[in-house]
Amino acid sequence: MSHTTSSLITRRHVLATGAALAAAGLPLATLAQSGTVKFILPNATGSGVDAITRAAAPALSKALNANVVVDNQPGAGGVLGLQALARSAPDGNTLSVVSNNVVIFPSVLKSLPFDMPGDFTPIAVVGATPMVLVANPNKVSATNAREFFALLKSKPGEFNFGSGGNGTILHLAGELVLEAGGVKARHIPYKGVGPMVTDLIGGQIDFAVAALPSVQGQIKGGALRPIGLLTAQRTPAAPEIPTFAEQGLANFAVEAWFAVIGPKGMSAANVKKAHDAVVAAFSDPAVKDVMAKQGNSIHVSTPEQAQSAFRSELAKYAALVKKVGLEPQ
């Protein structure tokens, strides 16, 4: 059976189901339960958010009683995917898992095709993922933070670092490490984490900050060398990697959190349904196991807490952007 025929049959089935529900006097909103919920990711495959969403997708599908489709829409650092979400119908069938890139953009980009958070419905801040500074061992001889900062000081302007895009949390985290260590390096933005990691392994760039889940395999295989975690404490997922805080940068910590959001105007019932599904999915034993292996800490907030977190984080990152002197692009 061709894909077209199959999708026509699915569409007919959905329409017939809808007609049956209507005839039975049931609300057509019930149709979403047997349909598809699309998660637009403003991140490329290979990113930390992508690894998290794909790990949770089967449990989300079960909790929503719907097919879950992960739709990666990277580009412009994530702006394109967010724009697509902002334009989606607020019926609960299009959602997104985002990183804290979304609250940094307003401070680093001169113009955005949407208002953050006004054009969205924050549903839950789900948890945090550890970030790690990794280096190409053939380009950077340092094995710890002290050696790393000494090396950059000894060769000013010679080293470069990558990120998943201008103004992303990975870019800002890299700048904050350099600022804390009193050193400088040239920033090279990429169109996503996947191409950045490929070039880092290939030696086109020297080092980068990445979400731990996106580089765990490369660290274990020796292709990348970890210099330090940006978390306040070591993570059980990689207990051998020390933090920058314990390597001399007292109280240094930069957090990468992730959240579920929808388009603005979602009804209270659709927000509750999405929130309940997130709680159920991230309580699923299989998902909890993967999250622990990736090093993610899960603390699902309420929609109200998510709303206020987005507003306070916008202010926090505006101050950090000013601190490292990033000019809006």
C-alpha atoms as a PDB file:
ATOM      1  CA  MET A   1       0.000   0.000   0.000  1.00  0.00           C
ATOM      2  CA  SER A   2       1.412   3.381  -0.951  1.00  0.00           C
ATOM      3  CA  HIS A   3       2.014   6.096   1.659  1.00  0.00           C
ATOM      4  CA  THR A   4      -0.629   8.287  -0.070  1.00  0.00           C
ATOM      5  CA  THR A   5      -3.259   5.521  -0.027  1.00  0.00           C
ATOM      6  CA  SER A   6      -2.434   4.747   3.600  1.00  0.00           C
ATOM      7  CA  SER A   7      -2.744   8.413   4.646  1.00  0.00           C
ATOM      8  CA  LEU A   8      -6.042   8.719   2.715  1.00  0.00           C
ATOM      9  CA  ILE A   9      -7.406   5.703   4.544  1.00  0.00           C
ATOM     10  CA  THR A  10      -6.189   7.164   7.862  1.00  0.00           C
ATOM     11  CA  ARG A  11      -7.822  10.492   6.996  1.00  0.00           C
ATOM     12  CA  ARG A  12     -11.093   8.730   6.047  1.00  0.00           C
ATOM     13  CA  HIS A  13     -10.946   6.732   9.259  1.00  0.00           C
ATOM     14  CA  VAL A  14     -10.395   9.912  11.297  1.00  0.00           C
ATOM     15  CA  LEU A  15     -13.270  11.691   9.504  1.00  0.00           C
ATOM     16  CA  ALA A  16     -15.555   8.690   9.974  1.00  0.00           C
ATOM     17  CA  THR A  17     -14.599   8.539  13.657  1.00  0.00           C
ATOM     18  CA  GLY A  18     -15.349  12.253  13.950  1.00  0.00           C
ATOM     19  CA  ALA A  19     -18.761  11.791  12.338  1.00  0.00           C
ATOM     20  CA  ALA A  20     -19.517   8.886  14.682  1.00  0.00           C
ATOM     21  CA  LEU A  21     -18.506  10.927  17.728  1.00  0.00           C
ATOM     22  CA  ALA A  22     -20.644  13.849  16.577  1.00  0.00           C
ATOM     23  CA  ALA A  23     -23.599  11.511  15.974  1.00  0.00           C
ATOM     24  CA  ALA A  24     -23.136  10.110  19.469  1.00  0.00           C
ATOM     25  CA  GLY A  25     -23.243  13.643  20.848  1.00  0.00           C
ATOM     26  CA  LEU A  26     -19.589  13.494  21.941  1.00  0.00           C
ATOM     27  CA  PRO A  27     -17.387  16.586  21.548  1.00  0.00           C
ATOM     28  CA  LEU A  28     -15.117  16.516  18.513  1.00  0.00           C
ATOM     29  CA  ALA A  29     -12.219  17.459  20.871  1.00  0.00           C
ATOM     30  CA  THR A  30     -12.266  13.757  21.830  1.00  0.00           C
ATOM     31  CA  LEU A  31     -10.955  13.093  18.324  1.00  0.00           C
ATOM     32  CA  ALA A  32      -7.482  14.230  19.443  1.00  0.00           C
ATOM     33  CA  GLN A  33      -7.289  11.091  21.571  1.00  0.00           C
ATOM     34  CA  SER A  34      -7.137   8.879  18.495  1.00  0.00           C
ATOM     35  CA  GLY A  35      -5.167  11.296  16.317  1.00  0.00           C
ATOM     36  CA  THR A  36      -1.647  12.665  16.260  1.00  0.00           C
ATOM     37  CA  VAL A  37       0.143  15.080  18.544  1.00  0.00           C
ATOM     38  CA  LYS A  38       3.110  16.760  16.891  1.00  0.00           C
ATOM     39  CA  PHE A  39       6.075  17.971  18.939  1.00  0.00           C
ATOM     40  CA  ILE A  40       7.885  20.666  16.959  1.00  0.00           C
ATOM     41  CA  LEU A  41      11.485  20.813  18.163  1.00  0.00           C
ATOM     42  CA  PRO A  42      13.312  24.063  17.351  1.00  0.00           C
ATOM     43  CA  ASN A  43      16.499  21.959  17.617  1.00  0.00           C
ATOM     44  CA  ALA A  44      18.322  19.666  15.226  1.00  0.00           C
ATOM     45  CA  THR A  45      18.599  15.914  15.723  1.00  0.00           C
ATOM     46  CA  GLY A  46      21.540  15.155  17.990  1.00  0.00           C
ATOM     47  CA  SER A  47      20.742  17.939  20.466  1.00  0.00           C
ATOM     48  CA  GLY A  48      20.057  17.333  24.160  1.00  0.00           C
ATOM     49  CA  VAL A  49      16.380  18.332  23.767  1.00  0.00           C
ATOM     50  CA  ASP A  50      16.045  15.928  20.819  1.00  0.00           C
ATOM     51  CA  ALA A  51      17.520  13.034  22.864  1.00  0.00           C
ATOM     52  CA  ILE A  52      15.144  13.814  25.752  1.00  0.00           C
ATOM     53  CA  THR A  53      12.009  14.132  23.590  1.00  0.00           C
ATOM     54  CA  ARG A  54      12.670  10.952  21.614  1.00  0.00           C
ATOM     55  CA  ALA A  55      13.285   9.011  24.839  1.00  0.00           C
ATOM     56  CA  ALA A  56       9.957  10.241  26.258  1.00  0.00           C
ATOM     57  CA  ALA A  57       7.935   9.952  23.015  1.00  0.00           C
ATOM     58  CA  PRO A  58       6.556   6.392  23.535  1.00  0.00           C
ATOM     59  CA  ALA A  59       5.391   7.263  27.081  1.00  0.00           C
ATOM     60  CA  LEU A  60       3.932  10.587  25.890  1.00  0.00           C
ATOM     61  CA  SER A  61       2.082   8.703  23.137  1.00  0.00           C
ATOM     62  CA  LYS A  62       0.623   6.305  25.706  1.00  0.00           C
ATOM     63  CA  ALA A  63      -0.345   9.140  28.098  1.00  0.00           C
ATOM     64  CA  LEU A  64      -1.959  11.202  25.313  1.00  0.00           C
ATOM     65  CA  ASN A  65      -3.549   8.133  23.686  1.00  0.00           C
ATOM     66  CA  ALA A  66      -2.285   9.474  20.354  1.00  0.00           C
ATOM     67  CA  ASN A  67       0.512   9.030  17.873  1.00  0.00           C
ATOM     68  CA  VAL A  68       3.409  11.316  18.842  1.00  0.00           C
ATOM     69  CA  VAL A  69       5.431  12.720  15.974  1.00  0.00           C
ATOM     70  CA  VAL A  70       8.754  14.478  16.638  1.00  0.00           C
ATOM     71  CA  ASP A  71       9.252  17.191  14.016  1.00  0.00           C
ATOM     72  CA  ASN A  72      12.735  18.781  14.083  1.00  0.00           C
ATOM     73  CA  GLN A  73      12.613  22.325  12.701  1.00  0.00           C
ATOM     74  CA  PRO A  74      16.015  23.876  13.414  1.00  0.00           C
ATOM     75  CA  GLY A  75      17.204  27.074  11.763  1.00  0.00           C
ATOM     76  CA  ALA A  76      18.027  30.610  12.920  1.00  0.00           C
ATOM     77  CA  GLY A  77      19.139  29.079  16.231  1.00  0.00           C
ATOM     78  CA  GLY A  78      15.613  27.726  16.820  1.00  0.00           C
ATOM     79  CA  VAL A  79      13.564  30.772  15.813  1.00  0.00           C
ATOM     80  CA  LEU A  80      12.004  28.992  12.791  1.00  0.00           C
ATOM     81  CA  GLY A  81      10.621  26.099  14.853  1.00  0.00           C
ATOM     82  CA  LEU A  82       9.207  28.484  17.459  1.00  0.00           C
ATOM     83  CA  GLN A  83       7.590  30.564  14.715  1.00  0.00           C
ATOM     84  CA  ALA A  84       5.915  27.398  13.371  1.00  0.00           C
ATOM     85  CA  LEU A  85       4.619  26.582  16.862  1.00  0.00           C
ATOM     86  CA  ALA A  86       3.326  30.148  17.380  1.00  0.00           C
ATOM     87  CA  ARG A  87       1.323  29.830  14.139  1.00  0.00           C
ATOM     88  CA  SER A  88      -0.197  26.451  15.095  1.00  0.00           C
ATOM     89  CA  ALA A  89      -3.794  25.948  16.221  1.00  0.00           C
ATOM     90  CA  PRO A  90      -4.082  26.002  20.051  1.00  0.00           C
ATOM     91  CA  ASP A  91      -5.977  22.683  20.084  1.00  0.00           C
ATOM     92  CA  GLY A  92      -3.378  20.709  22.038  1.00  0.00           C
ATOM     93  CA  ASN A  93      -2.289  18.750  18.950  1.00  0.00           C
ATOM     94  CA  THR A  94       0.891  20.791  18.396  1.00  0.00           C
ATOM     95  CA  LEU A  95       3.321  21.195  21.273  1.00  0.00           C
ATOM     96  CA  SER A  96       7.054  21.690  21.684  1.00  0.00           C
ATOM     97  CA  VAL A  97       9.898  20.728  23.986  1.00  0.00           C
ATOM     98  CA  VAL A  98      12.275  23.677  24.253  1.00  0.00           C
ATOM     99  CA  SER A  99      15.488  24.549  26.060  1.00  0.00           C
ATOM    100  CA  ASN A 100      16.149  27.827  27.831  1.00  0.00           C
ATOM    101  CA  ASN A 101      17.303  29.196  24.456  1.00  0.00           C
ATOM    102  CA  VAL A 102      13.754  30.538  24.236  1.00  0.00           C
ATOM    103  CA  VAL A 103      14.253  32.997  27.119  1.00  0.00           C
ATOM    104  CA  ILE A 104      17.688  34.109  25.849  1.00  0.00           C
ATOM    105  CA  PHE A 105      16.585  35.008  22.295  1.00  0.00           C
ATOM    106  CA  PRO A 106      14.809  38.269  23.242  1.00  0.00           C
ATOM    107  CA  SER A 107      18.126  39.589  24.662  1.00  0.00           C
ATOM    108  CA  VAL A 108      20.405  38.511  21.801  1.00  0.00           C
ATOM    109  CA  LEU A 109      18.278  38.909  18.670  1.00  0.00           C
ATOM    110  CA  LYS A 110      17.249  42.359  17.460  1.00  0.00           C
ATOM    111  CA  SER A 111      13.964  41.182  16.020  1.00  0.00           C
ATOM    112  CA  LEU A 112      11.838  38.112  16.651  1.00  0.00           C
ATOM    113  CA  PRO A 113       8.733  37.076  14.661  1.00  0.00           C
ATOM    114  CA  PHE A 114       6.919  36.337  17.945  1.00  0.00           C
ATOM    115  CA  ASP A 115       6.646  37.528  21.539  1.00  0.00           C
ATOM    116  CA  MET A 116       8.188  35.365  24.254  1.00  0.00           C
ATOM    117  CA  PRO A 117       6.313  34.211  26.277  1.00  0.00           C
ATOM    118  CA  GLY A 118       3.187  36.108  25.065  1.00  0.00           C
ATOM    119  CA  ASP A 119       2.694  34.052  21.879  1.00  0.00           C
ATOM    120  CA  PHE A 120       3.031  30.732  23.719  1.00  0.00           C
ATOM    121  CA  THR A 121       1.446  28.723  26.531  1.00  0.00           C
ATOM    122  CA  PRO A 122       4.053  27.405  29.005  1.00  0.00           C
ATOM    123  CA  ILE A 123       2.794  23.991  30.166  1.00  0.00           C
ATOM    124  CA  ALA A 124       5.629  22.690  32.355  1.00  0.00           C
ATOM    125  CA  VAL A 125       9.291  23.245  33.093  1.00  0.00           C
ATOM    126  CA  VAL A 126      10.255  19.563  33.042  1.00  0.00           C
ATOM    127  CA  GLY A 127      13.804  19.475  34.370  1.00  0.00           C
ATOM    128  CA  ALA A 128      17.434  20.326  33.786  1.00  0.00           C
ATOM    129  CA  THR A 129      20.186  18.711  31.744  1.00  0.00           C
ATOM    130  CA  PRO A 130      23.892  18.961  32.609  1.00  0.00           C
ATOM    131  CA  MET A 131      26.216  20.876  30.276  1.00  0.00           C
ATOM    132  CA  VAL A 132      29.860  20.003  29.814  1.00  0.00           C
ATOM    133  CA  LEU A 133      32.783  21.785  28.151  1.00  0.00           C
ATOM    134  CA  VAL A 134      34.403  19.292  25.783  1.00  0.00           C
ATOM    135  CA  ALA A 135      37.573  19.719  23.739  1.00  0.00           C
ATOM    136  CA  ASN A 136      39.132  17.998  20.760  1.00  0.00           C
ATOM    137  CA  PRO A 137      42.072  16.158  22.426  1.00  0.00           C
ATOM    138  CA  ASN A 138      44.258  16.682  19.328  1.00  0.00           C
ATOM    139  CA  LYS A 139      43.746  20.455  19.371  1.00  0.00           C
ATOM    140  CA  VAL A 140      43.600  21.147  23.120  1.00  0.00           C
ATOM    141  CA  SER A 141      46.261  19.507  25.290  1.00  0.00           C
ATOM    142  CA  ALA A 142      44.582  20.520  28.579  1.00  0.00           C
ATOM    143  CA  THR A 143      42.954  17.798  30.683  1.00  0.00           C
ATOM    144  CA  ASN A 144      41.406  20.002  33.386  1.00  0.00           C
ATOM    145  CA  ALA A 145      40.117  23.547  33.941  1.00  0.00           C
ATOM    146  CA  ARG A 146      43.398  24.935  35.324  1.00  0.00           C
ATOM    147  CA  GLU A 147      45.386  23.681  32.317  1.00  0.00           C
ATOM    148  CA  PHE A 148      42.626  24.807  29.958  1.00  0.00           C
ATOM    149  CA  PHE A 149      42.606  28.430  31.162  1.00  0.00           C
ATOM    150  CA  ALA A 150      46.430  28.509  31.270  1.00  0.00           C
ATOM    151  CA  LEU A 151      46.574  27.249  27.662  1.00  0.00           C
ATOM    152  CA  LEU A 152      44.097  29.877  26.400  1.00  0.00           C
ATOM    153  CA  LYS A 153      45.998  32.622  28.268  1.00  0.00           C
ATOM    154  CA  SER A 154      49.324  31.495  26.750  1.00  0.00           C
ATOM    155  CA  LYS A 155      47.970  31.661  23.170  1.00  0.00           C
ATOM    156  CA  PRO A 156      45.512  34.574  23.027  1.00  0.00           C
ATOM    157  CA  GLY A 157      43.213  34.590  19.999  1.00  0.00           C
ATOM    158  CA  GLU A 158      44.379  31.184  18.774  1.00  0.00           C
ATOM    159  CA  PHE A 159      41.460  29.054  19.924  1.00  0.00           C
ATOM    160  CA  ASN A 160      37.849  28.934  18.784  1.00  0.00           C
ATOM    161  CA  PHE A 161      34.702  27.370  20.212  1.00  0.00           C
ATOM    162  CA  GLY A 162      31.457  26.258  18.627  1.00  0.00           C
ATOM    163  CA  SER A 163      27.804  26.468  19.606  1.00  0.00           C
ATOM    164  CA  GLY A 164      24.448  25.373  18.209  1.00  0.00           C
ATOM    165  CA  GLY A 165      23.785  28.960  17.098  1.00  0.00           C
ATOM    166  CA  ASN A 166      24.194  32.609  18.073  1.00  0.00           C
ATOM    167  CA  GLY A 167      22.567  33.409  21.408  1.00  0.00           C
ATOM    168  CA  THR A 168      21.752  29.794  22.295  1.00  0.00           C
ATOM    169  CA  ILE A 169      22.310  28.546  25.849  1.00  0.00           C
ATOM    170  CA  LEU A 170      25.407  26.680  24.577  1.00  0.00           C
ATOM    171  CA  HIS A 171      26.836  29.928  23.172  1.00  0.00           C
ATOM    172  CA  LEU A 172      26.054  31.920  26.318  1.00  0.00           C
ATOM    173  CA  ALA A 173      27.376  29.125  28.593  1.00  0.00           C
ATOM    174  CA  GLY A 174      30.654  29.084  26.630  1.00  0.00           C
ATOM    175  CA  GLU A 175      31.000  32.858  27.000  1.00  0.00           C
ATOM    176  CA  LEU A 176      30.278  32.611  30.747  1.00  0.00           C
ATOM    177  CA  VAL A 177      33.014  29.950  31.230  1.00  0.00           C
ATOM    178  CA  LEU A 178      35.531  32.135  29.344  1.00  0.00           C
ATOM    179  CA  GLU A 179      34.494  35.240  31.288  1.00  0.00           C
ATOM    180  CA  ALA A 180      34.819  33.390  34.622  1.00  0.00           C
ATOM    181  CA  GLY A 181      38.279  32.091  33.624  1.00  0.00           C
ATOM    182  CA  GLY A 182      39.439  35.507  32.389  1.00  0.00           C
ATOM    183  CA  VAL A 183      40.212  34.232  28.864  1.00  0.00           C
ATOM    184  CA  LYS A 184      38.977  34.817  25.326  1.00  0.00           C
ATOM    185  CA  ALA A 185      38.268  32.622  22.289  1.00  0.00           C
ATOM    186  CA  ARG A 186      36.542  33.144  18.943  1.00  0.00           C
ATOM    187  CA  HIS A 187      32.922  31.981  18.687  1.00  0.00           C
ATOM    188  CA  ILE A 188      31.822  29.902  15.666  1.00  0.00           C
ATOM    189  CA  PRO A 189      28.015  29.442  15.492  1.00  0.00           C
ATOM    190  CA  TYR A 190      26.524  26.352  13.822  1.00  0.00           C
ATOM    191  CA  LYS A 191      23.041  25.494  12.563  1.00  0.00           C
ATOM    192  CA  GLY A 192      22.514  22.950  15.300  1.00  0.00           C
ATOM    193  CA  VAL A 193      24.406  20.738  17.728  1.00  0.00           C
ATOM    194  CA  GLY A 194      24.922  17.793  15.325  1.00  0.00           C
ATOM    195  CA  PRO A 195      27.099  19.723  12.810  1.00  0.00           C
ATOM    196  CA  MET A 196      28.946  21.416  15.685  1.00  0.00           C
ATOM    197  CA  VAL A 197      29.897  18.070  17.280  1.00  0.00           C
ATOM    198  CA  THR A 198      30.949  16.681  13.876  1.00  0.00           C
ATOM    199  CA  ASP A 199      33.298  19.645  13.313  1.00  0.00           C
ATOM    200  CA  LEU A 200      34.594  19.479  16.881  1.00  0.00           C
ATOM    201  CA  ILE A 201      35.584  15.823  16.402  1.00  0.00           C
ATOM    202  CA  GLY A 202      37.024  16.707  12.980  1.00  0.00           C
ATOM    203  CA  GLY A 203      39.184  19.480  14.470  1.00  0.00           C
ATOM    204  CA  GLN A 204      37.571  22.428  12.655  1.00  0.00           C
ATOM    205  CA  ILE A 205      36.838  23.910  16.084  1.00  0.00           C
ATOM    206  CA  ASP A 206      38.773  23.416  19.325  1.00  0.00           C
ATOM    207  CA  PHE A 207      36.175  23.164  22.077  1.00  0.00           C
ATOM    208  CA  ALA A 208      32.480  23.681  22.846  1.00  0.00           C
ATOM    209  CA  VAL A 209      29.893  23.524  25.584  1.00  0.00           C
ATOM    210  CA  ALA A 210      27.323  20.790  24.918  1.00  0.00           C
ATOM    211  CA  ALA A 211      24.469  19.104  26.754  1.00  0.00           C
ATOM    212  CA  LEU A 212      25.919  15.928  28.282  1.00  0.00           C
ATOM    213  CA  PRO A 213      23.374  13.577  26.558  1.00  0.00           C
ATOM    214  CA  SER A 214      24.487  14.836  23.127  1.00  0.00           C
ATOM    215  CA  VAL A 215      28.205  13.985  23.659  1.00  0.00           C
ATOM    216  CA  GLN A 216      28.171  11.066  26.110  1.00  0.00           C
ATOM    217  CA  GLY A 217      29.111   8.522  23.433  1.00  0.00           C
ATOM    218  CA  GLN A 218      31.971  10.650  22.068  1.00  0.00           C
ATOM    219  CA  ILE A 219      33.373  11.218  25.571  1.00  0.00           C
ATOM    220  CA  LYS A 220      33.250   7.487  26.359  1.00  0.00           C
ATOM    221  CA  GLY A 221      34.854   6.665  23.004  1.00  0.00           C
ATOM    222  CA  GLY A 222      37.672   9.174  23.547  1.00  0.00           C
ATOM    223  CA  ALA A 223      36.829  11.379  20.536  1.00  0.00           C
ATOM    224  CA  LEU A 224      36.133  14.287  22.917  1.00  0.00           C
ATOM    225  CA  ARG A 225      37.763  15.156  26.231  1.00  0.00           C
ATOM    226  CA  PRO A 226      35.649  16.640  29.039  1.00  0.00           C
ATOM    227  CA  ILE A 227      37.235  19.643  30.781  1.00  0.00           C
ATOM    228  CA  GLY A 228      34.477  20.333  33.276  1.00  0.00           C
ATOM    229  CA  LEU A 229      30.759  20.208  34.031  1.00  0.00           C
ATOM    230  CA  LEU A 230      28.842  23.479  34.312  1.00  0.00           C
ATOM    231  CA  THR A 231      26.573  22.049  37.023  1.00  0.00           C
ATOM    232  CA  ALA A 232      26.823  22.941  40.725  1.00  0.00           C
ATOM    233  CA  GLN A 233      27.517  19.278  41.628  1.00  0.00           C
ATOM    234  CA  ARG A 234      28.838  16.257  39.750  1.00  0.00           C
ATOM    235  CA  THR A 235      26.250  14.145  37.979  1.00  0.00           C
ATOM    236  CA  PRO A 236      25.764  10.409  38.718  1.00  0.00           C
ATOM    237  CA  ALA A 237      25.543   9.906  34.916  1.00  0.00           C
ATOM    238  CA  ALA A 238      29.248  10.812  34.583  1.00  0.00           C
ATOM    239  CA  PRO A 239      30.713  10.782  38.112  1.00  0.00           C
ATOM    240  CA  GLU A 240      34.275  10.977  36.792  1.00  0.00           C
ATOM    241  CA  ILE A 241      33.829  14.467  35.273  1.00  0.00           C
ATOM    242  CA  PRO A 242      34.586  17.257  37.788  1.00  0.00           C
ATOM    243  CA  THR A 243      32.644  20.528  37.834  1.00  0.00           C
ATOM    244  CA  PHE A 244      34.202  23.919  37.081  1.00  0.00           C
ATOM    245  CA  ALA A 245      33.057  24.966  40.589  1.00  0.00           C
ATOM    246  CA  GLU A 246      35.301  22.361  42.205  1.00  0.00           C
ATOM    247  CA  GLN A 247      38.160  23.234  39.824  1.00  0.00           C
ATOM    248  CA  GLY A 248      38.566  26.780  41.040  1.00  0.00           C
ATOM    249  CA  LEU A 249      35.554  28.713  39.680  1.00  0.00           C
ATOM    250  CA  ALA A 250      33.794  29.053  43.051  1.00  0.00           C
ATOM    251  CA  ASN A 251      29.971  28.942  42.865  1.00  0.00           C
ATOM    252  CA  PHE A 252      30.086  28.721  39.061  1.00  0.00           C
ATOM    253  CA  ALA A 253      27.013  26.999  37.580  1.00  0.00           C
ATOM    254  CA  VAL A 254      25.025  27.485  34.367  1.00  0.00           C
ATOM    255  CA  GLU A 255      21.812  25.526  34.034  1.00  0.00           C
ATOM    256  CA  ALA A 256      20.210  24.199  30.858  1.00  0.00           C
ATOM    257  CA  TRP A 257      16.547  23.564  31.575  1.00  0.00           C
ATOM    258  CA  PHE A 258      13.889  22.211  29.259  1.00  0.00           C
ATOM    259  CA  ALA A 259      10.154  22.790  29.132  1.00  0.00           C
ATOM    260  CA  VAL A 260       6.977  21.860  27.267  1.00  0.00           C
ATOM    261  CA  ILE A 261       5.079  24.726  25.645  1.00  0.00           C
ATOM    262  CA  GLY A 262       2.180  25.141  23.242  1.00  0.00           C
ATOM    263  CA  PRO A 263       0.803  27.987  21.115  1.00  0.00           C
ATOM    264  CA  LYS A 264      -0.979  30.851  22.898  1.00  0.00           C
ATOM    265  CA  GLY A 265      -4.717  30.538  23.499  1.00  0.00           C
ATOM    266  CA  MET A 266      -4.807  26.889  24.609  1.00  0.00           C
ATOM    267  CA  SER A 267      -7.895  26.098  26.675  1.00  0.00           C
ATOM    268  CA  ALA A 268      -7.517  25.150  30.343  1.00  0.00           C
ATOM    269  CA  ALA A 269      -8.704  21.613  29.444  1.00  0.00           C
ATOM    270  CA  ASN A 270      -6.026  21.201  26.745  1.00  0.00           C
ATOM    271  CA  VAL A 271      -3.311  22.597  29.048  1.00  0.00           C
ATOM    272  CA  LYS A 272      -4.371  20.133  31.764  1.00  0.00           C
ATOM    273  CA  LYS A 273      -4.386  17.218  29.318  1.00  0.00           C
ATOM    274  CA  ALA A 274      -0.884  18.088  28.040  1.00  0.00           C
ATOM    275  CA  HIS A 275       0.419  18.677  31.579  1.00  0.00           C
ATOM    276  CA  ASP A 276      -1.025  15.379  32.867  1.00  0.00           C
ATOM    277  CA  ALA A 277       0.646  13.574  29.939  1.00  0.00           C
ATOM    278  CA  VAL A 278       4.031  15.170  30.719  1.00  0.00           C
ATOM    279  CA  VAL A 279       3.742  14.159  34.395  1.00  0.00           C
ATOM    280  CA  ALA A 280       2.768  10.588  33.442  1.00  0.00           C
ATOM    281  CA  ALA A 281       5.474  10.243  30.758  1.00  0.00           C
ATOM    282  CA  PHE A 282       8.332  11.481  32.942  1.00  0.00           C
ATOM    283  CA  SER A 283       7.135   9.249  35.819  1.00  0.00           C
ATOM    284  CA  ASP A 284       7.286   6.187  33.531  1.00  0.00           C
ATOM    285  CA  PRO A 285      10.023   3.806  34.852  1.00  0.00           C
ATOM    286  CA  ALA A 286      11.618   3.351  31.398  1.00  0.00           C
ATOM    287  CA  VAL A 287      11.780   7.122  30.819  1.00  0.00           C
ATOM    288  CA  LYS A 288      13.115   7.721  34.351  1.00  0.00           C
ATOM    289  CA  ASP A 289      15.872   5.191  33.647  1.00  0.00           C
ATOM    290  CA  VAL A 290      16.917   6.940  30.392  1.00  0.00           C
ATOM    291  CA  MET A 291      16.763  10.379  32.043  1.00  0.00           C
ATOM    292  CA  ALA A 292      19.061   9.161  34.844  1.00  0.00           C
ATOM    293  CA  LYS A 293      21.520   7.693  32.320  1.00  0.00           C
ATOM    294  CA  GLN A 294      21.551  11.003  30.418  1.00  0.00           C
ATOM    295  CA  GLY A 295      22.106  12.890  33.682  1.00  0.00           C
ATOM    296  CA  ASN A 296      18.834  14.842  33.496  1.00  0.00           C
ATOM    297  CA  SER A 297      17.141  15.845  36.755  1.00  0.00           C
ATOM    298  CA  ILE A 298      13.349  15.831  36.439  1.00  0.00           C
ATOM    299  CA  HIS A 299      11.094  18.141  38.488  1.00  0.00           C
ATOM    300  CA  VAL A 300       7.887  18.815  36.546  1.00  0.00           C
ATOM    301  CA  SER A 301       6.424  22.226  37.420  1.00  0.00           C
ATOM    302  CA  THR A 302       2.779  23.264  37.286  1.00  0.00           C
ATOM    303  CA  PRO A 303       1.614  25.418  34.332  1.00  0.00           C
ATOM    304  CA  GLU A 304       1.421  28.402  36.733  1.00  0.00           C
ATOM    305  CA  GLN A 305       5.008  27.845  37.909  1.00  0.00           C
ATOM    306  CA  ALA A 306       6.123  27.512  34.266  1.00  0.00           C
ATOM    307  CA  GLN A 307       4.481  30.835  33.391  1.00  0.00           C
ATOM    308  CA  SER A 308       6.278  32.703  36.176  1.00  0.00           C
ATOM    309  CA  ALA A 309       9.588  30.849  35.537  1.00  0.00           C
ATOM    310  CA  PHE A 310       9.581  32.020  31.904  1.00  0.00           C
ATOM    311  CA  ARG A 311       9.158  35.640  33.017  1.00  0.00           C
ATOM    312  CA  SER A 312      11.861  35.524  35.727  1.00  0.00           C
ATOM    313  CA  GLU A 313      14.310  33.650  33.456  1.00  0.00           C
ATOM    314  CA  LEU A 314      13.872  36.289  30.706  1.00  0.00           C
ATOM    315  CA  ALA A 315      15.132  38.904  33.187  1.00  0.00           C
ATOM    316  CA  LYS A 316      17.937  36.657  34.479  1.00  0.00           C
ATOM    317  CA  TYR A 317      19.349  35.948  31.015  1.00  0.00           C
ATOM    318  CA  ALA A 318      19.047  39.587  29.948  1.00  0.00           C
ATOM    319  CA  ALA A 319      21.433  40.381  32.823  1.00  0.00           C
ATOM    320  CA  LEU A 320      23.831  37.525  31.885  1.00  0.00           C
ATOM    321  CA  VAL A 321      23.909  38.620  28.226  1.00  0.00           C
ATOM    322  CA  LYS A 322      24.835  42.131  29.383  1.00  0.00           C
ATOM    323  CA  LYS A 323      27.488  40.685  31.727  1.00  0.00           C
ATOM    324  CA  VAL A 324      29.395  38.923  28.940  1.00  0.00           C
ATOM    325  CA  GLY A 325      28.856  41.820  26.547  1.00  0.00           C
ATOM    326  CA  LEU A 326      26.975  39.957  23.793  1.00  0.00           C
ATOM    327  CA  GLU A 327      25.743  42.395  21.162  1.00  0.00           C
ATOM    328  CA  PRO A 328      22.234  41.706  19.779  1.00  0.00           C
ATOM    329  CA  GLN A 329      22.494  40.304  16.243  1.00  0.00           C
END
